[in-house]
Amino acid sequence: MYDMNLTYREGLEEKIENNYEKWLEEAKKIAYNEAATQVRIKRDKLLADTDWTQMNDTALSEEKKEKYKKYRKDLRDVPQQKDFPYNVVFPSI
């Protein structure tokens, strides 16, 4: 792992120029992980908001319960989308 911590301006240009590929790779990895975390936070909230729909004692019809079941599966599959995490399409019910 490349050390991304650089003292402000002190040797910044030289450090980046000498290690540009490593610096860029690490910067991309950090950006990806941050974006993925934000998408997963939103996905997890949507899942939590619909937990009740899968309980045995819910008043939902079996048809609606199955729709929620598919919706929740689609939410869990969000990280497998082609452009994850930068261009995510969240499912709807």
Foldseek 3Di string as FASTA:
>chain_A
DDDQDDDPPPCVVVVCVVCVVVNVVVVVVVVQVVLQVVLVVVLVVVLVVCVVLQDPPDPDDPVVSVVVVVLNVQSVCQCVDPPPPPDTDRDDD
